[in-house]
Amino acid sequence: MISQERVLTKLVAASTQQARLLELFELQHDEGPCLDCYREGRAVANVDPVQAERRWPAFGAAVRAARFASVHAVPLRLRDEVIGAMNLFLADRATLTAEELALAQALADIATIGLLQERAVREQQVLAEQLQGALNSRTVIEQAKGVLAERHQLTLEAAFTAMRTHARRNGRPLLAVAADVIDGTFDQSLQPDL
């Protein structure tokens, strides 16, 4: 199964080592049923090794060498968007019936749901981590404002302005300056406004 994440096309899964190697070969040579299926958004079905070699010379030779009787690919779709494709390699016969092809598409649809669900969970985790990081940063900055305001009898706004000015003048992240204020390593002599 091949999926596209952003611009990167990659192998997501394979049922056997032989199929995995053939899928990787397909990606390396940028030819084969899965890539055509992905690009065109429609199934590629019932391609025997002779047809495969005519259509995709390098890939077709690899199919023949692997002794597959036929190759097929069905799209992984979300509505009108194709997010990947699933290869099917048959070792014992050359054709899929219309019913078998419909079953393959149904399995591809189920795989699509799984991939999209995993992607959504991963995106939520990244967002949660980013939000937690921002909250943690904001907490440190707020604590530093309080410490600096108390030490130098400043308003919270003036303390924040002093930290921000120091950070900009010295090319340091505000969070690093805030951490220095809290742990007492902030050198007030570097801050002319205090």
N, C-alpha and C. Protein backbone atom coordinates (compact mmCIF):
# COMPACT_ATOMS: atom_id res chain seq x y z
N MET A 1 0.84 -1.16 0.00
CA MET A 1 0.00 0.00 0.00
C MET A 1 0.89 1.23 0.00
N ILE A 2 0.58 2.17 -0.85
CA ILE A 2 1.35 3.40 -0.97
C ILE A 2 0.46 4.56 -0.58
N SER A 3 1.01 5.48 0.20
CA SER A 3 0.25 6.63 0.65
C SER A 3 1.08 7.87 0.45
N GLN A 4 0.42 9.00 0.22
CA GLN A 4 1.12 10.26 0.08
C GLN A 4 0.82 11.12 1.28
N GLU A 5 1.86 11.50 2.00
CA GLU A 5 1.74 12.41 3.12
C GLU A 5 2.46 13.68 2.70
N ARG A 6 1.69 14.74 2.58
CA ARG A 6 2.18 16.00 2.07
C ARG A 6 2.73 15.74 0.66
N VAL A 7 4.04 15.84 0.43
CA VAL A 7 4.57 15.62 -0.91
C VAL A 7 5.31 14.29 -0.99
N LEU A 8 5.58 13.67 0.13
CA LEU A 8 6.36 12.45 0.20
C LEU A 8 5.51 11.23 -0.08
N THR A 9 5.86 10.46 -1.11
CA THR A 9 5.18 9.22 -1.40
C THR A 9 5.97 8.13 -0.71
N LYS A 10 5.28 7.24 0.03
CA LYS A 10 5.99 6.22 0.79
C LYS A 10 5.19 4.93 0.87
N LEU A 11 5.91 3.86 1.15
CA LEU A 11 5.31 2.56 1.38
C LEU A 11 4.80 2.53 2.80
N VAL A 12 3.52 2.19 2.98
CA VAL A 12 2.93 2.16 4.31
C VAL A 12 2.91 0.74 4.86
N ALA A 13 2.56 -0.24 4.02
CA ALA A 13 2.46 -1.62 4.50
C ALA A 13 2.56 -2.58 3.33
N ALA A 14 2.97 -3.81 3.64
CA ALA A 14 3.01 -4.87 2.65
C ALA A 14 2.72 -6.19 3.36
N SER A 15 2.09 -7.11 2.64
CA SER A 15 1.70 -8.38 3.27
C SER A 15 2.82 -9.40 3.31
N THR A 16 3.77 -9.32 2.38
CA THR A 16 4.90 -10.24 2.36
C THR A 16 6.17 -9.47 2.02
N GLN A 17 7.30 -10.10 2.28
CA GLN A 17 8.57 -9.45 1.94
C GLN A 17 8.70 -9.27 0.43
N GLN A 18 8.24 -10.25 -0.33
CA GLN A 18 8.29 -10.17 -1.78
C GLN A 18 7.45 -8.99 -2.29
N ALA A 19 6.25 -8.82 -1.73
CA ALA A 19 5.40 -7.70 -2.12
C ALA A 19 6.03 -6.37 -1.70
N ARG A 20 6.63 -6.36 -0.52
CA ARG A 20 7.31 -5.14 -0.04
C ARG A 20 8.42 -4.73 -0.98
N LEU A 21 9.23 -5.68 -1.41
CA LEU A 21 10.33 -5.37 -2.32
C LEU A 21 9.81 -4.86 -3.66
N LEU A 22 8.72 -5.46 -4.15
CA LEU A 22 8.14 -5.01 -5.41
C LEU A 22 7.56 -3.60 -5.28
N GLU A 23 6.92 -3.31 -4.14
CA GLU A 23 6.38 -1.96 -3.90
C GLU A 23 7.51 -0.94 -3.85
N LEU A 24 8.59 -1.27 -3.15
CA LEU A 24 9.73 -0.36 -3.07
C LEU A 24 10.35 -0.15 -4.45
N PHE A 25 10.44 -1.23 -5.23
CA PHE A 25 10.95 -1.14 -6.59
C PHE A 25 10.10 -0.17 -7.41
N GLU A 26 8.78 -0.28 -7.23
CA GLU A 26 7.83 0.59 -7.92
C GLU A 26 8.10 2.06 -7.58
N LEU A 27 8.30 2.34 -6.31
CA LEU A 27 8.59 3.72 -5.89
C LEU A 27 9.93 4.21 -6.42
N GLN A 28 10.94 3.36 -6.35
CA GLN A 28 12.28 3.76 -6.80
C GLN A 28 12.32 4.06 -8.29
N HIS A 29 11.53 3.32 -9.08
CA HIS A 29 11.54 3.51 -10.52
C HIS A 29 10.40 4.40 -11.01
N ASP A 30 9.57 4.87 -10.07
CA ASP A 30 8.47 5.77 -10.38
C ASP A 30 7.58 5.25 -11.51
N GLU A 31 7.28 3.94 -11.43
CA GLU A 31 6.37 3.36 -12.42
C GLU A 31 5.72 2.12 -11.82
N GLY A 32 4.49 1.89 -12.21
CA GLY A 32 3.78 0.71 -11.77
C GLY A 32 2.31 1.00 -11.54
N PRO A 33 1.53 -0.04 -11.28
CA PRO A 33 0.08 0.13 -11.17
C PRO A 33 -0.34 1.00 -9.99
N CYS A 34 0.34 0.89 -8.87
CA CYS A 34 -0.05 1.66 -7.69
C CYS A 34 0.12 3.16 -7.95
N LEU A 35 1.22 3.53 -8.58
CA LEU A 35 1.46 4.94 -8.86
C LEU A 35 0.49 5.47 -9.92
N ASP A 36 0.22 4.67 -10.94
CA ASP A 36 -0.78 5.09 -11.94
C ASP A 36 -2.15 5.23 -11.30
N CYS A 37 -2.50 4.28 -10.45
CA CYS A 37 -3.78 4.33 -9.75
C CYS A 37 -3.87 5.59 -8.89
N TYR A 38 -2.81 5.88 -8.19
CA TYR A 38 -2.78 7.09 -7.34
C TYR A 38 -2.93 8.34 -8.19
N ARG A 39 -2.17 8.43 -9.24
CA ARG A 39 -2.18 9.63 -10.09
C ARG A 39 -3.51 9.83 -10.81
N GLU A 40 -4.09 8.74 -11.29
CA GLU A 40 -5.32 8.83 -12.08
C GLU A 40 -6.59 8.71 -11.24
N GLY A 41 -6.47 8.19 -10.02
CA GLY A 41 -7.61 8.07 -9.13
C GLY A 41 -8.58 6.96 -9.48
N ARG A 42 -8.12 5.99 -10.27
CA ARG A 42 -9.00 4.87 -10.63
C ARG A 42 -8.22 3.56 -10.58
N ALA A 43 -8.94 2.47 -10.45
CA ALA A 43 -8.32 1.16 -10.33
C ALA A 43 -7.56 0.79 -11.60
N VAL A 44 -6.49 0.04 -11.39
CA VAL A 44 -5.74 -0.58 -12.47
C VAL A 44 -5.90 -2.08 -12.21
N ALA A 45 -6.51 -2.78 -13.14
CA ALA A 45 -6.84 -4.18 -12.85
C ALA A 45 -6.46 -5.12 -13.97
N ASN A 46 -6.18 -6.36 -13.56
CA ASN A 46 -5.97 -7.48 -14.47
C ASN A 46 -4.84 -7.24 -15.47
N VAL A 47 -3.70 -6.84 -14.95
CA VAL A 47 -2.52 -6.61 -15.78
C VAL A 47 -1.59 -7.81 -15.59
N ASP A 48 -1.38 -8.59 -16.66
CA ASP A 48 -0.49 -9.74 -16.55
C ASP A 48 0.96 -9.29 -16.73
N PRO A 49 1.93 -10.16 -16.48
CA PRO A 49 3.34 -9.75 -16.56
C PRO A 49 3.76 -9.21 -17.92
N VAL A 50 3.21 -9.77 -19.02
CA VAL A 50 3.57 -9.28 -20.35
C VAL A 50 3.05 -7.85 -20.53
N GLN A 51 1.80 -7.62 -20.15
CA GLN A 51 1.23 -6.26 -20.24
C GLN A 51 2.00 -5.31 -19.31
N ALA A 52 2.33 -5.79 -18.12
CA ALA A 52 3.06 -4.96 -17.16
C ALA A 52 4.40 -4.53 -17.73
N GLU A 53 5.08 -5.45 -18.41
CA GLU A 53 6.39 -5.11 -18.96
C GLU A 53 6.28 -4.11 -20.10
N ARG A 54 5.22 -4.20 -20.87
CA ARG A 54 5.02 -3.21 -21.94
C ARG A 54 4.69 -1.84 -21.35
N ARG A 55 3.86 -1.82 -20.32
CA ARG A 55 3.38 -0.57 -19.73
C ARG A 55 4.41 0.07 -18.80
N TRP A 56 5.08 -0.76 -18.01
CA TRP A 56 6.09 -0.29 -17.04
C TRP A 56 7.31 -1.20 -17.16
N PRO A 57 8.22 -0.92 -18.07
CA PRO A 57 9.31 -1.86 -18.38
C PRO A 57 10.10 -2.38 -17.17
N ALA A 58 10.60 -1.51 -16.34
CA ALA A 58 11.40 -1.97 -15.20
C ALA A 58 10.54 -2.71 -14.19
N PHE A 59 9.39 -2.15 -13.86
CA PHE A 59 8.49 -2.79 -12.90
C PHE A 59 7.97 -4.12 -13.45
N GLY A 60 7.60 -4.14 -14.71
CA GLY A 60 7.08 -5.37 -15.33
C GLY A 60 8.10 -6.50 -15.28
N ALA A 61 9.37 -6.18 -15.52
CA ALA A 61 10.42 -7.20 -15.44
C ALA A 61 10.52 -7.74 -14.01
N ALA A 62 10.37 -6.87 -13.03
CA ALA A 62 10.42 -7.30 -11.63
C ALA A 62 9.22 -8.18 -11.28
N VAL A 63 8.05 -7.87 -11.84
CA VAL A 63 6.85 -8.69 -11.62
C VAL A 63 7.09 -10.09 -12.20
N ARG A 64 7.62 -10.14 -13.42
CA ARG A 64 7.88 -11.43 -14.05
C ARG A 64 8.91 -12.22 -13.24
N ALA A 65 9.96 -11.56 -12.79
CA ALA A 65 11.00 -12.23 -12.00
C ALA A 65 10.45 -12.75 -10.67
N ALA A 66 9.49 -12.03 -10.11
CA ALA A 66 8.89 -12.45 -8.84
C ALA A 66 7.82 -13.54 -9.05
N ARG A 67 7.53 -13.84 -10.32
CA ARG A 67 6.58 -14.91 -10.69
C ARG A 67 5.14 -14.62 -10.26
N PHE A 68 4.75 -13.34 -10.34
CA PHE A 68 3.35 -13.02 -10.10
C PHE A 68 2.59 -13.20 -11.40
N ALA A 69 1.36 -13.68 -11.29
CA ALA A 69 0.52 -13.90 -12.48
C ALA A 69 -0.17 -12.62 -12.94
N SER A 70 -0.42 -11.70 -11.99
CA SER A 70 -1.06 -10.44 -12.36
C SER A 70 -0.87 -9.41 -11.25
N VAL A 71 -1.05 -8.15 -11.66
CA VAL A 71 -0.97 -7.04 -10.70
C VAL A 71 -2.21 -6.17 -10.84
N HIS A 72 -2.59 -5.55 -9.73
CA HIS A 72 -3.79 -4.71 -9.67
C HIS A 72 -3.52 -3.61 -8.66
N ALA A 73 -4.27 -2.54 -8.74
CA ALA A 73 -4.19 -1.47 -7.74
C ALA A 73 -5.55 -0.80 -7.62
N VAL A 74 -5.91 -0.46 -6.38
CA VAL A 74 -7.17 0.25 -6.14
C VAL A 74 -6.86 1.50 -5.32
N PRO A 75 -7.58 2.59 -5.59
CA PRO A 75 -7.29 3.85 -4.90
C PRO A 75 -7.80 3.89 -3.45
N LEU A 76 -7.08 4.60 -2.64
CA LEU A 76 -7.50 4.94 -1.28
C LEU A 76 -8.06 6.35 -1.39
N ARG A 77 -9.36 6.51 -1.22
CA ARG A 77 -10.00 7.80 -1.47
C ARG A 77 -10.76 8.33 -0.27
N LEU A 78 -10.73 9.63 -0.16
CA LEU A 78 -11.62 10.35 0.75
C LEU A 78 -12.43 11.28 -0.14
N ARG A 79 -13.66 10.90 -0.36
CA ARG A 79 -14.53 11.60 -1.31
C ARG A 79 -13.83 11.65 -2.67
N ASP A 80 -13.46 12.85 -3.14
CA ASP A 80 -12.81 12.97 -4.45
C ASP A 80 -11.30 13.01 -4.36
N GLU A 81 -10.76 13.01 -3.15
CA GLU A 81 -9.31 13.10 -2.97
C GLU A 81 -8.70 11.71 -2.83
N VAL A 82 -7.71 11.41 -3.66
CA VAL A 82 -6.99 10.15 -3.57
C VAL A 82 -5.81 10.37 -2.63
N ILE A 83 -5.77 9.60 -1.55
CA ILE A 83 -4.69 9.77 -0.57
C ILE A 83 -3.62 8.67 -0.69
N GLY A 84 -3.88 7.69 -1.54
CA GLY A 84 -2.92 6.61 -1.73
C GLY A 84 -3.52 5.56 -2.64
N ALA A 85 -2.84 4.40 -2.70
CA ALA A 85 -3.32 3.30 -3.51
C ALA A 85 -2.84 1.99 -2.89
N MET A 86 -3.57 0.93 -3.18
CA MET A 86 -3.24 -0.38 -2.64
C MET A 86 -3.00 -1.35 -3.80
N ASN A 87 -1.79 -1.93 -3.84
CA ASN A 87 -1.44 -2.93 -4.84
C ASN A 87 -1.96 -4.30 -4.44
N LEU A 88 -2.32 -5.07 -5.41
CA LEU A 88 -2.66 -6.48 -5.22
C LEU A 88 -1.82 -7.28 -6.20
N PHE A 89 -1.08 -8.26 -5.71
CA PHE A 89 -0.26 -9.11 -6.55
C PHE A 89 -0.81 -10.53 -6.44
N LEU A 90 -1.22 -11.11 -7.57
CA LEU A 90 -1.74 -12.47 -7.56
C LEU A 90 -0.68 -13.42 -8.11
N ALA A 91 -0.46 -14.50 -7.38
CA ALA A 91 0.54 -15.48 -7.80
C ALA A 91 -0.06 -16.60 -8.62
N ASP A 92 -1.37 -16.85 -8.45
CA ASP A 92 -1.94 -18.05 -9.05
C ASP A 92 -2.89 -17.84 -10.22
N ARG A 93 -3.35 -16.63 -10.47
CA ARG A 93 -4.25 -16.41 -11.61
C ARG A 93 -4.12 -14.97 -12.10
N ALA A 94 -4.60 -14.73 -13.31
CA ALA A 94 -4.34 -13.46 -13.96
C ALA A 94 -5.44 -12.42 -13.80
N THR A 95 -6.65 -12.82 -13.47
CA THR A 95 -7.74 -11.84 -13.47
C THR A 95 -8.52 -11.84 -12.16
N LEU A 96 -9.06 -10.67 -11.87
CA LEU A 96 -10.01 -10.50 -10.78
C LEU A 96 -11.38 -10.29 -11.40
N THR A 97 -12.39 -10.87 -10.81
CA THR A 97 -13.76 -10.64 -11.29
C THR A 97 -14.19 -9.25 -10.83
N ALA A 98 -15.29 -8.77 -11.38
CA ALA A 98 -15.82 -7.48 -10.98
C ALA A 98 -16.17 -7.50 -9.49
N GLU A 99 -16.69 -8.62 -9.01
CA GLU A 99 -17.04 -8.76 -7.60
C GLU A 99 -15.78 -8.70 -6.72
N GLU A 100 -14.72 -9.38 -7.15
CA GLU A 100 -13.46 -9.36 -6.39
C GLU A 100 -12.83 -7.98 -6.40
N LEU A 101 -12.94 -7.29 -7.50
CA LEU A 101 -12.41 -5.92 -7.58
C LEU A 101 -13.21 -4.99 -6.67
N ALA A 102 -14.53 -5.19 -6.60
CA ALA A 102 -15.37 -4.40 -5.69
C ALA A 102 -14.99 -4.68 -4.24
N LEU A 103 -14.70 -5.94 -3.93
CA LEU A 103 -14.25 -6.30 -2.58
C LEU A 103 -12.91 -5.64 -2.27
N ALA A 104 -11.99 -5.65 -3.23
CA ALA A 104 -10.69 -5.00 -3.04
C ALA A 104 -10.87 -3.50 -2.77
N GLN A 105 -11.81 -2.88 -3.50
CA GLN A 105 -12.06 -1.45 -3.28
C GLN A 105 -12.66 -1.21 -1.90
N ALA A 106 -13.53 -2.10 -1.46
CA ALA A 106 -14.11 -1.98 -0.12
C ALA A 106 -13.03 -2.09 0.95
N LEU A 107 -12.10 -3.01 0.77
CA LEU A 107 -10.97 -3.12 1.72
C LEU A 107 -10.10 -1.87 1.69
N ALA A 108 -9.89 -1.33 0.50
CA ALA A 108 -9.12 -0.09 0.38
C ALA A 108 -9.84 1.06 1.08
N ASP A 109 -11.15 1.09 0.98
CA ASP A 109 -11.93 2.14 1.66
C ASP A 109 -11.79 2.02 3.18
N ILE A 110 -11.79 0.78 3.68
CA ILE A 110 -11.60 0.56 5.11
C ILE A 110 -10.19 1.00 5.53
N ALA A 111 -9.20 0.66 4.71
CA ALA A 111 -7.81 1.07 5.00
C ALA A 111 -7.71 2.60 5.01
N THR A 112 -8.43 3.25 4.12
CA THR A 112 -8.42 4.72 4.07
C THR A 112 -8.93 5.30 5.38
N ILE A 113 -10.02 4.75 5.88
CA ILE A 113 -10.58 5.22 7.15
C ILE A 113 -9.55 5.07 8.26
N GLY A 114 -8.88 3.93 8.30
CA GLY A 114 -7.85 3.70 9.32
C GLY A 114 -6.70 4.69 9.21
N LEU A 115 -6.24 4.92 7.99
CA LEU A 115 -5.14 5.87 7.79
C LEU A 115 -5.54 7.29 8.18
N LEU A 116 -6.74 7.68 7.81
CA LEU A 116 -7.20 9.03 8.14
C LEU A 116 -7.41 9.19 9.64
N GLN A 117 -7.91 8.14 10.28
CA GLN A 117 -8.10 8.20 11.74
C GLN A 117 -6.74 8.34 12.44
N GLU A 118 -5.77 7.56 11.98
CA GLU A 118 -4.42 7.64 12.57
C GLU A 118 -3.84 9.04 12.37
N ARG A 119 -4.04 9.59 11.18
CA ARG A 119 -3.53 10.93 10.88
C ARG A 119 -4.19 11.97 11.79
N ALA A 120 -5.49 11.84 12.00
CA ALA A 120 -6.21 12.79 12.87
C ALA A 120 -5.71 12.70 14.31
N VAL A 121 -5.50 11.48 14.79
CA VAL A 121 -4.99 11.30 16.16
C VAL A 121 -3.60 11.91 16.28
N ARG A 122 -2.75 11.65 15.29
CA ARG A 122 -1.39 12.20 15.31
C ARG A 122 -1.42 13.74 15.30
N GLU A 123 -2.28 14.32 14.47
CA GLU A 123 -2.37 15.79 14.41
C GLU A 123 -2.88 16.36 15.73
N GLN A 124 -3.82 15.67 16.37
CA GLN A 124 -4.32 16.12 17.67
C GLN A 124 -3.22 16.06 18.73
N GLN A 125 -2.41 15.02 18.68
CA GLN A 125 -1.32 14.89 19.64
C GLN A 125 -0.31 16.01 19.45
N VAL A 126 0.02 16.31 18.21
CA VAL A 126 0.97 17.40 17.93
C VAL A 126 0.40 18.72 18.42
N LEU A 127 -0.87 18.98 18.14
CA LEU A 127 -1.50 20.21 18.59
C LEU A 127 -1.52 20.31 20.11
N ALA A 128 -1.85 19.20 20.77
CA ALA A 128 -1.87 19.19 22.24
C ALA A 128 -0.48 19.48 22.80
N GLU A 129 0.55 18.91 22.18
CA GLU A 129 1.92 19.16 22.63
C GLU A 129 2.30 20.63 22.42
N GLN A 130 1.91 21.18 21.29
CA GLN A 130 2.20 22.58 21.01
C GLN A 130 1.48 23.49 22.01
N LEU A 131 0.23 23.20 22.28
CA LEU A 131 -0.52 24.01 23.23
C LEU A 131 0.05 23.90 24.63
N GLN A 132 0.44 22.69 25.03
CA GLN A 132 1.04 22.50 26.35
C GLN A 132 2.36 23.25 26.44
N GLY A 133 3.15 23.20 25.36
CA GLY A 133 4.41 23.94 25.33
C GLY A 133 4.18 25.44 25.46
N ALA A 134 3.18 25.95 24.75
CA ALA A 134 2.87 27.37 24.83
C ALA A 134 2.40 27.75 26.23
N LEU A 135 1.58 26.90 26.83
CA LEU A 135 1.11 27.16 28.19
C LEU A 135 2.27 27.15 29.18
N ASN A 136 3.15 26.16 29.04
CA ASN A 136 4.31 26.09 29.92
C ASN A 136 5.20 27.33 29.77
N SER A 137 5.41 27.75 28.53
CA SER A 137 6.21 28.95 28.27
C SER A 137 5.57 30.18 28.89
N ARG A 138 4.26 30.28 28.70
CA ARG A 138 3.55 31.44 29.24
C ARG A 138 3.62 31.47 30.76
N THR A 139 3.54 30.30 31.38
CA THR A 139 3.63 30.21 32.84
C THR A 139 4.99 30.70 33.32
N VAL A 140 6.06 30.29 32.66
CA VAL A 140 7.41 30.71 33.04
C VAL A 140 7.55 32.22 32.86
N ILE A 141 7.04 32.74 31.76
CA ILE A 141 7.14 34.18 31.50
C ILE A 141 6.35 34.97 32.56
N GLU A 142 5.15 34.49 32.89
CA GLU A 142 4.35 35.17 33.91
C GLU A 142 5.06 35.14 35.27
N GLN A 143 5.66 34.02 35.63
CA GLN A 143 6.40 33.94 36.89
C GLN A 143 7.57 34.91 36.88
N ALA A 144 8.28 34.97 35.76
CA ALA A 144 9.43 35.88 35.66
C ALA A 144 9.00 37.34 35.77
N LYS A 145 7.86 37.68 35.18
CA LYS A 145 7.35 39.04 35.31
C LYS A 145 7.14 39.38 36.78
N GLY A 146 6.54 38.46 37.50
CA GLY A 146 6.29 38.69 38.94
C GLY A 146 7.58 38.83 39.72
N VAL A 147 8.55 37.97 39.46
CA VAL A 147 9.84 38.04 40.16
C VAL A 147 10.52 39.36 39.87
N LEU A 148 10.60 39.72 38.59
CA LEU A 148 11.28 40.96 38.20
C LEU A 148 10.54 42.19 38.75
N ALA A 149 9.23 42.16 38.71
CA ALA A 149 8.44 43.28 39.24
C ALA A 149 8.70 43.45 40.73
N GLU A 150 8.75 42.37 41.47
CA GLU A 150 8.98 42.42 42.91
C GLU A 150 10.40 42.90 43.22
N ARG A 151 11.38 42.36 42.52
CA ARG A 151 12.79 42.72 42.79
C ARG A 151 13.07 44.20 42.54
N HIS A 152 12.43 44.74 41.51
CA HIS A 152 12.76 46.11 41.10
C HIS A 152 11.60 47.08 41.25
N GLN A 153 10.57 46.66 41.97
CA GLN A 153 9.40 47.51 42.21
C GLN A 153 8.84 48.09 40.91
N LEU A 154 8.58 47.19 39.95
CA LEU A 154 8.02 47.57 38.65
C LEU A 154 6.59 47.07 38.54
N THR A 155 5.87 47.66 37.60
CA THR A 155 4.57 47.08 37.27
C THR A 155 4.83 45.81 36.46
N LEU A 156 3.83 44.94 36.37
CA LEU A 156 3.99 43.71 35.58
C LEU A 156 4.26 44.04 34.12
N GLU A 157 3.60 45.07 33.63
CA GLU A 157 3.80 45.49 32.24
C GLU A 157 5.23 45.97 32.01
N ALA A 158 5.76 46.76 32.94
CA ALA A 158 7.14 47.26 32.82
C ALA A 158 8.14 46.10 32.92
N ALA A 159 7.86 45.14 33.78
CA ALA A 159 8.75 43.97 33.91
C ALA A 159 8.78 43.18 32.61
N PHE A 160 7.61 42.99 32.00
CA PHE A 160 7.54 42.26 30.74
C PHE A 160 8.29 43.02 29.64
N THR A 161 8.09 44.34 29.59
CA THR A 161 8.77 45.16 28.59
C THR A 161 10.28 45.07 28.77
N ALA A 162 10.75 45.08 30.01
CA ALA A 162 12.19 44.99 30.27
C ALA A 162 12.75 43.65 29.80
N MET A 163 12.03 42.58 30.08
CA MET A 163 12.50 41.25 29.64
C MET A 163 12.50 41.14 28.12
N ARG A 164 11.44 41.63 27.51
CA ARG A 164 11.34 41.56 26.05
C ARG A 164 12.44 42.40 25.40
N THR A 165 12.68 43.59 25.93
CA THR A 165 13.74 44.46 25.39
C THR A 165 15.10 43.78 25.52
N HIS A 166 15.36 43.20 26.67
CA HIS A 166 16.64 42.51 26.90
C HIS A 166 16.78 41.33 25.93
N ALA A 167 15.73 40.58 25.75
CA ALA A 167 15.76 39.43 24.84
C ALA A 167 16.07 39.87 23.42
N ARG A 168 15.42 40.92 22.97
CA ARG A 168 15.64 41.41 21.60
C ARG A 168 17.04 41.96 21.42
N ARG A 169 17.51 42.75 22.38
CA ARG A 169 18.84 43.35 22.28
C ARG A 169 19.95 42.31 22.26
N ASN A 170 19.72 41.20 22.93
CA ASN A 170 20.75 40.18 23.06
C ASN A 170 20.50 38.96 22.18
N GLY A 171 19.47 39.03 21.34
CA GLY A 171 19.18 37.93 20.43
C GLY A 171 18.86 36.62 21.13
N ARG A 172 18.17 36.72 22.25
CA ARG A 172 17.82 35.53 23.03
C ARG A 172 16.31 35.35 23.04
N PRO A 173 15.87 34.13 23.16
CA PRO A 173 14.43 33.89 23.28
C PRO A 173 13.91 34.46 24.61
N LEU A 174 12.72 34.99 24.56
CA LEU A 174 12.10 35.54 25.76
C LEU A 174 12.00 34.49 26.86
N LEU A 175 11.71 33.27 26.49
CA LEU A 175 11.60 32.19 27.47
C LEU A 175 12.92 31.95 28.19
N ALA A 176 14.04 32.06 27.48
CA ALA A 176 15.36 31.88 28.11
C ALA A 176 15.64 33.00 29.10
N VAL A 177 15.29 34.22 28.73
CA VAL A 177 15.48 35.36 29.63
C VAL A 177 14.60 35.18 30.87
N ALA A 178 13.36 34.75 30.66
CA ALA A 178 12.45 34.54 31.79
C ALA A 178 13.00 33.47 32.74
N ALA A 179 13.55 32.39 32.18
CA ALA A 179 14.14 31.34 33.02
C ALA A 179 15.32 31.88 33.82
N ASP A 180 16.13 32.75 33.21
CA ASP A 180 17.25 33.37 33.92
C ASP A 180 16.77 34.26 35.06
N VAL A 181 15.68 34.97 34.83
CA VAL A 181 15.11 35.83 35.89
C VAL A 181 14.67 34.96 37.06
N ILE A 182 13.98 33.88 36.77
CA ILE A 182 13.45 33.02 37.83
C ILE A 182 14.57 32.35 38.63
N ASP A 183 15.59 31.83 37.93
CA ASP A 183 16.65 31.12 38.67
C ASP A 183 17.73 32.05 39.22
N GLY A 184 17.59 33.34 38.99
CA GLY A 184 18.49 34.33 39.57
C GLY A 184 19.78 34.56 38.79
N THR A 185 19.91 33.98 37.61
CA THR A 185 21.12 34.18 36.82
C THR A 185 21.02 35.37 35.87
N PHE A 186 19.89 36.01 35.86
CA PHE A 186 19.70 37.18 35.01
C PHE A 186 20.61 38.30 35.52
N ASP A 187 21.46 38.79 34.67
CA ASP A 187 22.41 39.84 35.05
C ASP A 187 21.76 41.19 34.82
N GLN A 188 21.34 41.83 35.92
CA GLN A 188 20.64 43.10 35.79
C GLN A 188 21.52 44.19 35.17
N SER A 189 22.84 44.01 35.22
CA SER A 189 23.69 45.04 34.63
C SER A 189 23.54 45.07 33.10
N LEU A 190 23.03 43.99 32.53
CA LEU A 190 22.79 43.96 31.10
C LEU A 190 21.51 44.67 30.72
N GLN A 191 20.71 44.99 31.71
CA GLN A 191 19.42 45.61 31.48
C GLN A 191 19.47 47.08 31.88
N PRO A 192 19.80 47.97 30.95
CA PRO A 192 19.94 49.37 31.30
C PRO A 192 18.64 50.04 31.76
N ASP A 193 17.49 49.51 31.43
CA ASP A 193 16.24 50.15 31.80
C ASP A 193 15.87 49.93 33.25
N LEU A 194 16.58 49.02 33.96
CA LEU A 194 16.21 48.72 35.34
C LEU A 194 16.97 49.57 36.32
